[in-house]
């Protein structure tokens, strides 16, 4: 990719041994799972190193994904029982392999949760959560509304997130306090969600209503009926639009952790809020609600909860 040279300076890293010697991170020596998750300190230097590494992972996966985009490629259906269409391609698998290979070389003690090849050291203190192509349906139909998701978790906390769109040359990511967008020309802009005081003024989005169950679709339609406008399509790109202040509500369902972990820090550090439909943390996926305005989030949650309470006396 053209950005590789420009990003060379960002890719400097510390090896795992030197990080421990410098007291950047402390991991309890106890082998029990709860103690293995007890990472107590990640200082500024280590955080920057890990963020740079996330960018490096994107640089590794980008060429693999671009190689097949808008070219004829075999598509398999992961739903073997005929229960739907969940496409996967060699681009998905190749990109995840490229990420996993570099991760094993650089940080063998870190865990990896990936869509295509499952979990590796899932109880490690630091775990990378990867979706090589979020939006494979868009990818195989030539639409650019897809991205590579790279997230890092410390225990149950998303530390940082990155969404790369190598076809458009865009990248969205977060540090500890701020979310950013880099455009195709290399210009970096801080992301900020927009204020939206009411559902009646909101732009509502979802990837597609066909992906919702009957009960989920009813809940979505209740919000849709009050929203100013509704748009469909986008997968991970919807959350980037939300963080950029272009839309106000994203409602999705059936998500996995690798679909959402990388997007949580981007949305939150741009000023938004993201939870499940009943207000719980979003790290495990499921029914996801993201809003640019935290006050609007409470209003949508209240609408969903009021209906749920009436349905289950």
Protein backbone atom coordinates (compact mmCIF):
# COMPACT_ATOMS: atom_id res chain seq x y z
CA UNK A 1 0.00 0.00 0.00
CA UNK A 2 1.13 3.55 -0.67
CA UNK A 3 0.89 4.48 2.97
CA UNK A 4 3.42 1.85 4.11
CA UNK A 5 6.41 4.11 3.69
CA UNK A 6 4.72 7.06 5.36
CA UNK A 7 3.79 4.90 8.30
CA UNK A 8 7.23 3.34 8.77
CA UNK A 9 8.06 5.49 11.76
CA UNK A 10 4.82 4.50 13.46
CA UNK A 11 5.71 0.84 13.32
CA UNK A 12 8.57 0.87 15.81
CA UNK A 13 7.84 -1.54 18.63
CA UNK A 14 9.11 -2.94 21.89
CA UNK A 15 9.47 -6.67 22.27
CA UNK A 16 7.49 -8.43 25.04
CA UNK A 17 10.53 -8.92 27.28
CA UNK A 18 11.60 -5.28 27.20
CA UNK A 19 8.02 -4.20 27.92
CA UNK A 20 7.99 -6.27 31.08
CA UNK A 21 11.41 -5.04 32.14
CA UNK A 22 10.27 -1.44 31.70
CA UNK A 23 7.25 -2.13 33.95
CA UNK A 24 4.87 -1.07 31.19
CA UNK A 25 2.57 -3.95 32.05
CA UNK A 26 2.33 -6.30 34.99
CA UNK A 27 0.78 -9.74 34.61
CA UNK A 28 0.11 -11.81 37.69
CA UNK A 29 2.25 -14.99 37.65
CA UNK A 30 -0.68 -17.07 38.91
CA UNK A 31 -1.93 -19.41 36.19
CA UNK A 32 -5.63 -19.27 37.05
CA UNK A 33 -7.83 -17.62 34.43
CA UNK A 34 -8.99 -14.76 36.63
CA UNK A 35 -5.39 -13.92 37.49
CA UNK A 36 -4.20 -14.22 33.91
CA UNK A 37 -6.62 -11.39 33.11
CA UNK A 38 -5.14 -9.20 35.84
CA UNK A 39 -3.22 -6.71 33.69
CA UNK A 40 -2.93 -3.74 36.01
CA UNK A 41 -1.01 -1.10 34.10
CA UNK A 42 -0.57 -0.08 30.48
CA UNK A 43 1.40 3.12 30.37
CA UNK A 44 1.40 5.74 27.62
CA UNK A 45 4.46 4.35 25.87
CA UNK A 46 3.07 0.84 25.65
CA UNK A 47 -0.34 2.08 24.55
CA UNK A 48 1.21 4.01 21.67
CA UNK A 49 3.23 0.93 20.74
CA UNK A 50 0.11 -1.21 20.65
CA UNK A 51 -1.79 1.39 18.63
CA UNK A 52 1.06 1.57 16.14
CA UNK A 53 0.94 -2.20 15.92
CA UNK A 54 -2.78 -2.05 15.12
CA UNK A 55 -1.94 0.22 12.20
CA UNK A 56 0.77 -2.20 11.15
CA UNK A 57 -1.73 -5.07 11.18
CA UNK A 58 -3.97 -3.03 8.89
CA UNK A 59 -1.05 -2.44 6.53
CA UNK A 60 -0.49 -6.20 6.41
CA UNK A 61 -4.10 -7.14 5.76
CA UNK A 62 -4.98 -4.35 3.33
CA UNK A 63 -3.11 -5.65 0.26
CA UNK A 64 -4.55 -9.14 0.79
CA UNK A 65 -8.09 -7.79 0.79
CA UNK A 66 -7.55 -5.42 -2.13
CA UNK A 67 -6.06 -8.17 -4.27
CA UNK A 68 -9.49 -9.77 -4.66
CA UNK A 69 -11.84 -6.78 -4.43
CA UNK A 70 -14.01 -6.29 -7.53
CA UNK A 71 -12.51 -9.39 -9.06
CA UNK A 72 -14.12 -12.78 -9.55
CA UNK A 73 -13.61 -14.79 -6.39
CA UNK A 74 -15.13 -18.01 -5.10
CA UNK A 75 -17.71 -17.47 -2.35
CA UNK A 76 -18.57 -20.12 0.21
CA UNK A 77 -21.58 -20.17 2.52
CA UNK A 78 -20.66 -20.81 6.16
CA UNK A 79 -24.30 -21.66 6.89
CA UNK A 80 -24.05 -25.30 5.81
CA UNK A 81 -27.48 -26.23 7.18
CA UNK A 82 -29.32 -23.95 4.79
CA UNK A 83 -30.30 -21.55 7.56
CA UNK A 84 -29.19 -18.45 5.70
CA UNK A 85 -26.32 -16.98 3.73
CA UNK A 86 -23.08 -16.15 5.55
CA UNK A 87 -20.45 -15.64 2.84
CA UNK A 88 -16.71 -16.14 3.22
CA UNK A 89 -13.91 -15.84 0.66
CA UNK A 90 -10.19 -16.42 0.34
CA UNK A 91 -9.80 -12.69 0.98
CA UNK A 92 -11.36 -13.06 4.45
CA UNK A 93 -9.18 -16.03 5.28
CA UNK A 94 -6.01 -14.61 3.78
CA UNK A 95 -6.33 -11.30 5.61
CA UNK A 96 -6.90 -13.00 8.96
CA UNK A 97 -3.91 -15.28 8.35
CA UNK A 98 -1.71 -12.26 7.61
CA UNK A 99 -2.82 -10.59 10.84
CA UNK A 100 -2.38 -13.76 12.90
CA UNK A 101 1.08 -14.39 11.45
CA UNK A 102 2.38 -10.96 12.43
CA UNK A 103 0.71 -11.16 15.83
CA UNK A 104 2.40 -14.49 16.60
CA UNK A 105 5.76 -13.05 15.57
CA UNK A 106 5.48 -9.84 17.55
CA UNK A 107 3.31 -10.68 20.56
CA UNK A 108 3.02 -14.45 21.00
CA UNK A 109 1.67 -13.98 24.53
CA UNK A 110 -1.37 -12.04 23.28
CA UNK A 111 -4.69 -13.71 22.54
CA UNK A 112 -6.54 -13.62 19.23
CA UNK A 113 -10.28 -13.80 18.59
CA UNK A 114 -11.00 -13.98 14.87
CA UNK A 115 -14.05 -14.60 12.74
CA UNK A 116 -12.56 -17.16 10.38
CA UNK A 117 -10.18 -19.21 12.52
CA UNK A 118 -11.62 -18.94 16.02
CA UNK A 119 -9.82 -18.18 19.27
CA UNK A 120 -6.20 -18.50 20.33
CA UNK A 121 -5.29 -17.93 23.99
CA UNK A 122 -8.74 -16.45 24.57
CA UNK A 123 -7.99 -15.97 28.29
CA UNK A 124 -4.78 -13.97 27.71
CA UNK A 125 -4.62 -10.58 29.48
CA UNK A 126 -4.50 -8.77 26.14
CA UNK A 127 -6.60 -10.08 23.26
CA UNK A 128 -6.86 -8.86 19.69
CA UNK A 129 -10.36 -9.15 18.24
CA UNK A 130 -10.34 -9.31 14.45
CA UNK A 131 -12.84 -9.31 11.61
CA UNK A 132 -10.79 -9.38 8.38
CA UNK A 133 -13.73 -8.21 6.25
CA UNK A 134 -16.74 -6.87 8.10
CA UNK A 135 -19.33 -6.58 5.37
CA UNK A 136 -18.45 -9.53 3.15
CA UNK A 137 -21.83 -9.22 1.39
CA UNK A 138 -20.84 -5.72 0.30
CA UNK A 139 -17.35 -6.90 -0.58
CA UNK A 140 -18.50 -9.65 -2.95
CA UNK A 141 -20.97 -7.33 -4.69
CA UNK A 142 -18.39 -4.61 -5.35
CA UNK A 143 -19.71 -2.13 -2.79
CA UNK A 144 -17.05 -0.29 -0.72
CA UNK A 145 -19.15 -0.39 2.48
CA UNK A 146 -16.90 -2.88 4.29
CA UNK A 147 -13.79 -2.71 6.41
CA UNK A 148 -11.17 -4.60 8.36
CA UNK A 149 -11.80 -4.43 12.12
CA UNK A 150 -8.90 -4.61 14.57
CA UNK A 151 -9.65 -4.23 18.27
CA UNK A 152 -7.64 -4.81 21.43
CA UNK A 153 -9.16 -5.82 24.75
CA UNK A 154 -7.67 -5.78 28.24
CA UNK A 155 -9.83 -8.15 30.23
CA UNK A 156 -13.38 -7.05 29.39
CA UNK A 157 -12.40 -3.51 28.39
CA UNK A 158 -11.89 -2.46 24.75
CA UNK A 159 -8.63 -0.49 24.79
CA UNK A 160 -8.43 0.65 21.20
CA UNK A 161 -10.14 0.09 17.90
CA UNK A 162 -9.33 0.51 14.23
CA UNK A 163 -11.40 0.19 11.06
CA UNK A 164 -9.47 0.14 7.80
CA UNK A 165 -11.00 0.64 4.35
CA UNK A 166 -8.06 0.13 1.99
CA UNK A 167 -10.12 0.59 -1.19
CA UNK A 168 -11.13 4.16 -0.33
CA UNK A 169 -7.88 4.78 1.54
CA UNK A 170 -9.76 5.68 4.72
CA UNK A 171 -8.94 4.61 8.24
CA UNK A 172 -10.82 5.24 11.49
CA UNK A 173 -9.27 4.59 14.90
CA UNK A 174 -9.16 5.62 18.53
CA UNK A 175 -6.54 6.32 21.12
CA UNK A 176 -7.30 6.60 24.83
CA UNK A 177 -9.31 9.80 24.55
CA UNK A 178 -9.98 10.63 20.91
CA UNK A 179 -11.22 9.09 17.67
CA UNK A 180 -9.68 9.91 14.30
CA UNK A 181 -10.30 9.65 10.57
CA UNK A 182 -7.55 9.60 7.99
CA UNK A 183 -8.70 10.31 4.45
CA UNK A 184 -7.24 9.04 1.18
CA UNK A 185 -4.85 12.00 1.05
CA UNK A 186 -3.42 11.24 4.47
CA UNK A 187 -5.15 14.11 6.27
CA UNK A 188 -6.07 13.19 9.86
CA UNK A 189 -9.18 14.70 11.45
CA UNK A 190 -10.60 14.28 14.94
CA UNK A 191 -14.02 12.68 14.93
CA UNK A 192 -16.98 14.13 16.79
CA UNK A 193 -20.53 12.86 16.87
CA UNK A 194 -23.32 15.36 16.44
CA UNK A 195 -26.02 16.49 18.84
CA UNK A 196 -29.48 15.08 18.17
CA UNK A 197 -32.03 16.00 20.85
CA UNK A 198 -34.89 13.79 19.68
CA UNK A 199 -35.66 10.63 17.74
CA UNK A 200 -37.85 12.74 15.44
CA UNK A 201 -34.70 14.55 14.25
CA UNK A 202 -32.56 11.43 13.94
CA UNK A 203 -31.16 9.55 10.96
CA UNK A 204 -31.59 5.86 11.77
CA UNK A 205 -29.57 3.10 10.10
CA UNK A 206 -29.19 -0.66 10.01
CA UNK A 207 -27.33 -2.98 7.68
CA UNK A 208 -30.57 -4.57 6.44
CA UNK A 209 -33.93 -5.38 8.06
CA UNK A 210 -33.80 -8.90 6.59
CA UNK A 211 -31.06 -9.68 9.13
CA UNK A 212 -33.47 -9.06 12.03
CA UNK A 213 -35.84 -11.58 13.58
CA UNK A 214 -39.57 -10.80 13.60
CA UNK A 215 -39.46 -9.41 17.14
CA UNK A 216 -36.29 -7.43 16.41
CA UNK A 217 -37.84 -6.01 13.26
CA UNK A 218 -40.89 -4.86 15.24
CA UNK A 219 -38.61 -3.08 17.70
CA UNK A 220 -36.65 -1.51 14.87
CA UNK A 221 -39.84 -0.35 13.15
CA UNK A 222 -41.02 1.40 16.33
CA UNK A 223 -37.90 3.55 16.22
CA UNK A 224 -38.07 3.91 12.43
CA UNK A 225 -41.63 5.22 12.61
CA UNK A 226 -40.43 8.13 14.75
CA UNK A 227 -37.09 8.84 13.03
CA UNK A 228 -36.69 11.59 10.44
CA UNK A 229 -35.01 9.31 7.92
CA UNK A 230 -33.84 5.69 7.69
CA UNK A 231 -30.97 4.34 5.60
CA UNK A 232 -29.94 0.74 4.97
CA UNK A 233 -26.55 -0.82 4.27
CA UNK A 234 -23.13 -0.27 5.73
CA UNK A 235 -22.04 -2.86 8.32
CA UNK A 236 -19.01 -1.41 10.16
CA UNK A 237 -19.07 1.69 7.98
CA UNK A 238 -22.27 2.80 9.72
CA UNK A 239 -20.38 3.21 12.99
CA UNK A 240 -17.72 5.27 11.24
CA UNK A 241 -20.47 7.49 9.83
CA UNK A 242 -21.94 7.80 13.32
CA UNK A 243 -18.58 8.76 14.82
CA UNK A 244 -18.14 11.29 12.01
CA UNK A 245 -21.43 13.02 12.81
CA UNK A 246 -23.31 12.06 9.66
CA UNK A 247 -25.95 9.79 11.20
CA UNK A 248 -27.49 9.45 14.66
CA UNK A 249 -28.61 5.88 15.40
CA UNK A 250 -27.34 2.44 14.43
CA UNK A 251 -29.49 -0.56 15.37
CA UNK A 252 -28.25 -4.06 14.56
CA UNK A 253 -28.71 -7.60 15.85
CA UNK A 254 -27.01 -10.97 15.62
CA UNK A 255 -23.53 -9.51 15.95
CA UNK A 256 -20.51 -11.35 17.34
CA UNK A 257 -17.72 -9.86 19.43
CA UNK A 258 -15.46 -9.54 16.38
CA UNK A 259 -18.17 -7.44 14.67
CA UNK A 260 -18.24 -4.78 17.37
CA UNK A 261 -15.24 -4.68 19.75
CA UNK A 262 -13.07 -2.55 17.45
CA UNK A 263 -15.92 -0.10 16.89
CA UNK A 264 -16.75 0.54 20.55
CA UNK A 265 -13.75 2.80 21.33
CA UNK A 266 -14.18 4.69 18.05
CA UNK A 267 -17.83 5.51 18.78
CA UNK A 268 -17.31 6.29 22.46
CA UNK A 269 -14.23 8.47 22.00
CA UNK A 270 -15.99 10.43 19.30
CA UNK A 271 -18.63 11.27 21.91
CA UNK A 272 -21.23 8.58 21.25
CA UNK A 273 -22.58 5.67 23.23
CA UNK A 274 -22.91 2.00 22.34
CA UNK A 275 -24.68 -0.78 24.28
CA UNK A 276 -27.00 -3.72 23.73
CA UNK A 277 -30.70 -2.98 23.28
CA UNK A 278 -31.22 -3.46 27.02
CA UNK A 279 -28.34 -1.19 28.01
CA UNK A 280 -25.65 -3.78 28.77
CA UNK A 281 -22.02 -3.61 27.55
CA UNK A 282 -21.72 -4.38 23.85
CA UNK A 283 -18.47 -6.38 23.90
CA UNK A 284 -20.14 -9.75 23.27
CA UNK A 285 -22.25 -8.53 20.36
CA UNK A 286 -25.91 -9.47 20.05
CA UNK A 287 -28.47 -6.69 19.65
CA UNK A 288 -26.49 -3.46 19.34
CA UNK A 289 -27.61 0.14 19.72
CA UNK A 290 -25.19 2.97 18.96
CA UNK A 291 -26.03 6.67 19.08
CA UNK A 292 -24.02 9.81 18.52
CA UNK A 293 -25.82 11.71 21.28
CA UNK A 294 -25.78 9.97 24.71
CA UNK A 295 -29.06 11.66 25.67
CA UNK A 296 -30.69 10.26 22.55
CA UNK A 297 -29.37 6.84 23.52
CA UNK A 298 -31.35 6.97 26.76
CA UNK A 299 -34.51 7.89 24.86
CA UNK A 300 -34.17 4.96 22.44
CA UNK A 301 -33.39 2.57 25.29
CA UNK A 302 -36.44 3.81 27.18
CA UNK A 303 -38.61 3.19 24.12
CA UNK A 304 -37.27 -0.35 23.72
CA UNK A 305 -37.50 -1.10 27.43
CA UNK A 306 -41.05 0.22 27.77
CA UNK A 307 -42.23 -2.12 25.02
CA UNK A 308 -40.29 -5.04 26.53
CA UNK A 309 -41.95 -4.47 29.90
CA UNK A 310 -45.41 -4.39 28.31
CA UNK A 311 -44.63 -7.61 26.43
CA UNK A 312 -43.42 -9.42 29.56
CA UNK A 313 -45.67 -8.43 32.50
